[in-house]
């Protein structure tokens, strides 16, 4: 009986360890993900992450609709820039790559700040219709 139990425990441990060992360090999103767009090449994961962040902020009420529209508009501008660089010569040079990466990181950072402030606002005012403070417009004056 002990041998059977030890065998089951070993099999269970092996069943958990093998998939974890097979998982790549650099996870690439599958192309079936609704947010994934291979046209953005090496930036596809970052673009998808920001799109998911916008949806998350809207879903939990930390972003106002105005903020979400502003973030989406900025992301569309970055997407246009990526496509434009790819179409111009078929490749992105190091300067263009760093420009896009800086814009993505800046947008991501601004979204994190807005997300934290949105939760602070919710904690201060309660979550009553997403009231945003001064004048009810989400201004932080």
Protein backbone atom coordinates (compact mmCIF):
# COMPACT_ATOMS: atom_id res chain seq x y z
CA UNK A 1 0.00 0.00 0.00
CA UNK A 2 2.86 2.36 0.88
CA UNK A 3 4.48 1.66 -2.47
CA UNK A 4 1.25 2.50 -4.30
CA UNK A 5 0.84 5.81 -2.45
CA UNK A 6 4.50 6.75 -3.01
CA UNK A 7 4.12 5.90 -6.69
CA UNK A 8 1.02 8.12 -6.97
CA UNK A 9 2.74 11.00 -5.19
CA UNK A 10 5.79 10.67 -7.47
CA UNK A 11 3.59 10.59 -10.57
CA UNK A 12 1.69 13.67 -9.39
CA UNK A 13 4.93 15.54 -8.71
CA UNK A 14 6.26 14.57 -12.12
CA UNK A 15 3.00 15.70 -13.73
CA UNK A 16 3.47 19.16 -12.22
CA UNK A 17 7.22 19.44 -12.81
CA UNK A 18 7.31 18.48 -16.49
CA UNK A 19 4.99 21.21 -17.81
CA UNK A 20 6.78 23.80 -15.68
CA UNK A 21 10.15 22.72 -17.04
CA UNK A 22 8.86 22.74 -20.61
CA UNK A 23 7.53 26.32 -20.30
CA UNK A 24 9.74 28.84 -22.06
CA UNK A 25 11.19 31.73 -20.08
CA UNK A 26 10.07 34.24 -22.71
CA UNK A 27 6.39 33.49 -23.04
CA UNK A 28 5.02 34.44 -26.43
CA UNK A 29 1.31 35.03 -26.69
CA UNK A 30 -0.47 32.56 -28.97
CA UNK A 31 -1.74 34.08 -32.17
CA UNK A 32 -5.28 32.98 -31.25
CA UNK A 33 -5.36 35.54 -28.40
CA UNK A 34 -7.96 38.19 -29.25
CA UNK A 35 -5.54 41.02 -28.47
CA UNK A 36 -2.57 39.61 -30.37
CA UNK A 37 -1.68 41.18 -33.70
CA UNK A 38 1.41 39.85 -35.44
CA UNK A 39 1.59 43.01 -37.59
CA UNK A 40 3.24 44.70 -34.60
CA UNK A 41 6.11 42.20 -34.65
CA UNK A 42 8.33 42.35 -31.60
CA UNK A 43 5.96 44.85 -29.97
CA UNK A 44 2.87 42.60 -30.20
CA UNK A 45 3.06 41.46 -26.58
CA UNK A 46 3.50 45.02 -25.28
CA UNK A 47 0.59 46.30 -27.37
CA UNK A 48 -1.64 43.42 -26.22
CA UNK A 49 -0.62 44.05 -22.59
CA UNK A 50 -1.60 47.71 -22.83
CA UNK A 51 -4.91 46.83 -24.49
CA UNK A 52 -5.63 44.40 -21.67
CA UNK A 53 -4.67 47.08 -19.14
CA UNK A 54 -7.17 49.51 -20.64
CA UNK A 55 -9.92 46.89 -20.45
CA UNK A 56 -8.92 46.04 -16.87
CA UNK A 57 -9.02 49.69 -15.79
CA UNK A 58 -12.46 50.14 -17.31
CA UNK A 59 -13.66 46.89 -15.79
CA UNK A 60 -12.60 47.67 -12.23
CA UNK A 61 -13.65 51.32 -12.45
CA UNK A 62 -10.19 52.79 -11.92
CA UNK A 63 -10.23 54.46 -15.37
CA UNK A 64 -12.88 56.87 -16.48
CA UNK A 65 -14.19 56.45 -20.01
CA UNK A 66 -12.33 59.63 -20.94
CA UNK A 67 -9.04 58.19 -19.68
CA UNK A 68 -9.62 54.90 -21.49
CA UNK A 69 -10.34 56.76 -24.74
CA UNK A 70 -7.18 58.85 -24.29
CA UNK A 71 -5.06 55.75 -23.64
CA UNK A 72 -6.60 53.94 -26.62
CA UNK A 73 -5.94 56.94 -28.87
CA UNK A 74 -2.31 57.08 -27.77
CA UNK A 75 -1.94 53.33 -28.35
CA UNK A 76 -3.43 53.64 -31.85
CA UNK A 77 -0.84 56.32 -32.62
CA UNK A 78 1.94 53.98 -31.51
CA UNK A 79 0.44 51.15 -33.57
CA UNK A 80 0.36 53.41 -36.64
CA UNK A 81 3.99 54.32 -36.04
CA UNK A 82 5.00 50.64 -35.83
CA UNK A 83 3.17 49.79 -39.03
CA UNK A 84 4.59 52.87 -40.76
CA UNK A 85 8.16 51.96 -39.82
CA UNK A 86 7.61 48.37 -40.99
CA UNK A 87 6.11 49.49 -44.29
CA UNK A 88 8.77 52.12 -45.05
CA UNK A 89 11.69 49.71 -45.39
CA UNK A 90 10.43 46.41 -44.01
CA UNK A 91 12.48 46.64 -40.85
CA UNK A 92 12.75 48.77 -37.73
CA UNK A 93 16.17 50.27 -37.08
CA UNK A 94 17.55 50.66 -33.53
CA UNK A 95 16.56 54.33 -33.27
CA UNK A 96 12.95 53.59 -34.32
CA UNK A 97 12.86 50.59 -31.96
CA UNK A 98 13.94 52.68 -28.98
CA UNK A 99 11.47 55.45 -29.90
CA UNK A 100 8.56 52.99 -29.98
CA UNK A 101 9.72 51.26 -26.79
CA UNK A 102 9.94 54.62 -24.97
CA UNK A 103 6.41 55.55 -26.08
CA UNK A 104 5.04 52.17 -24.98
CA UNK A 105 6.80 52.39 -21.60
CA UNK A 106 5.61 55.97 -21.08
CA UNK A 107 2.00 55.04 -21.84
CA UNK A 108 2.24 52.00 -19.60
CA UNK A 109 3.63 54.11 -16.75
CA UNK A 110 0.92 56.76 -17.12
CA UNK A 111 -1.72 54.03 -17.09
CA UNK A 112 -0.31 52.58 -13.85
CA UNK A 113 -0.43 55.99 -12.18
CA UNK A 114 -4.00 56.58 -13.39
CA UNK A 115 -4.98 53.10 -12.20
CA UNK A 116 -3.56 53.70 -8.72
CA UNK A 117 -5.19 57.15 -8.52
CA UNK A 118 -8.47 55.64 -9.65
CA UNK A 119 -8.38 53.12 -6.81
CA UNK A 120 -7.40 55.87 -4.36
CA UNK A 121 -10.40 57.86 -5.58
CA UNK A 122 -12.65 54.83 -5.15
CA UNK A 123 -11.33 54.28 -1.63
CA UNK A 124 -11.82 57.95 -0.70
CA UNK A 125 -15.22 58.58 -2.25
CA UNK A 126 -16.51 55.04 -2.40
CA UNK A 127 -17.53 53.57 -5.69
CA UNK A 128 -20.65 55.65 -6.23
CA UNK A 129 -21.08 55.94 -9.96
CA UNK A 130 -17.34 56.44 -10.44
CA UNK A 131 -17.48 59.93 -8.93
CA UNK A 132 -14.16 61.53 -9.67
CA UNK A 133 -13.82 64.31 -7.15
CA UNK A 134 -13.82 67.97 -8.13
CA UNK A 135 -16.90 68.71 -10.18
CA UNK A 136 -17.52 64.99 -10.75
CA UNK A 137 -15.40 65.00 -13.90
CA UNK A 138 -12.43 62.98 -12.66
CA UNK A 139 -10.19 66.02 -12.30
CA UNK A 140 -7.60 65.84 -9.55
CA UNK A 141 -7.27 69.55 -8.72
